[in-house]
C-alpha cells in the first residue's frame, strides 16, 4: 500500500510538512510506503466549463 500525503501549505517545508513527515515516519515503520506531495502556492482550478454543469442543474 502507498499513502499520498498532500501538503497544501504555501511553505514547502513549514509546519504542515513537519506534521506530514511525522505521519509518514509512523506509516513507514508499519511497512506502508508514503509520498509527500507539495501542491505549492499555485491556485487549483475547479470546473473549467461551468455552463455545461449549470445546464444540467448540477447533475453530472
Protein backbone atom coordinates (compact mmCIF):
# COMPACT_ATOMS: atom_id res chain seq x y z
CA UNK A 1 0.00 0.00 0.00
CA UNK A 2 1.13 3.55 -0.69
CA UNK A 3 -0.22 6.67 1.01
CA UNK A 4 -0.05 10.08 -0.66
CA UNK A 5 0.27 12.88 1.88
CA UNK A 6 -0.74 16.23 0.36
CA UNK A 7 0.92 19.41 1.61
CA UNK A 8 -1.32 22.33 0.69
CA UNK A 9 0.73 24.92 2.57
CA UNK A 10 2.46 27.69 0.60
CA UNK A 11 5.58 26.87 2.64
CA UNK A 12 7.19 23.74 1.23
CA UNK A 13 8.95 22.69 4.43
CA UNK A 14 6.92 24.50 7.09
CA UNK A 15 4.79 23.20 9.95
CA UNK A 16 2.45 21.22 7.68
CA UNK A 17 5.42 19.44 6.14
CA UNK A 18 6.75 18.65 9.62
CA UNK A 19 3.41 17.16 10.67
CA UNK A 20 3.13 15.13 7.45
CA UNK A 21 6.69 13.87 7.94
CA UNK A 22 5.74 12.57 11.39
CA UNK A 23 2.76 10.74 9.90
CA UNK A 24 4.97 9.38 7.10
CA UNK A 25 7.58 8.13 9.58
CA UNK A 26 4.92 6.30 11.60
CA UNK A 27 3.42 4.73 8.49
CA UNK A 28 6.86 3.73 7.18
CA UNK A 29 7.60 1.94 10.46
CA UNK A 30 4.43 -0.09 9.87
CA UNK A 31 5.60 -1.02 6.37
CA UNK A 32 3.46 1.47 4.48
CA UNK A 33 5.12 3.36 1.63
CA UNK A 34 4.48 7.13 1.65
CA UNK A 35 5.00 10.13 -0.57
CA UNK A 36 4.63 13.77 0.44
CA UNK A 37 3.31 15.86 -2.45
CA UNK A 38 3.57 19.65 -2.23
CA UNK A 39 0.87 21.49 -4.14
CA UNK A 40 2.67 24.77 -3.58
CA UNK A 41 1.19 28.21 -3.75
CA UNK A 42 -0.42 27.87 -7.17
CA UNK A 43 -4.21 28.00 -7.41
CA UNK A 44 -6.08 24.79 -8.09
CA UNK A 45 -8.82 25.28 -10.66
CA UNK A 46 -12.31 23.98 -10.36
CA UNK A 47 -14.69 23.08 -13.15
CA UNK A 48 -13.49 24.59 -16.41
CA UNK A 49 -16.91 24.50 -18.11
CA UNK A 50 -19.44 25.77 -15.62
CA UNK A 51 -22.01 26.45 -18.33
CA UNK A 52 -22.43 22.74 -19.10
CA UNK A 53 -22.92 21.79 -15.46
CA UNK A 54 -25.42 24.60 -14.91
CA UNK A 55 -27.47 23.40 -17.89
CA UNK A 56 -27.65 20.00 -16.19
CA UNK A 57 -28.65 21.66 -12.89
CA UNK A 58 -25.51 20.31 -11.25
CA UNK A 59 -26.18 16.71 -12.26
CA UNK A 60 -23.14 15.03 -13.76
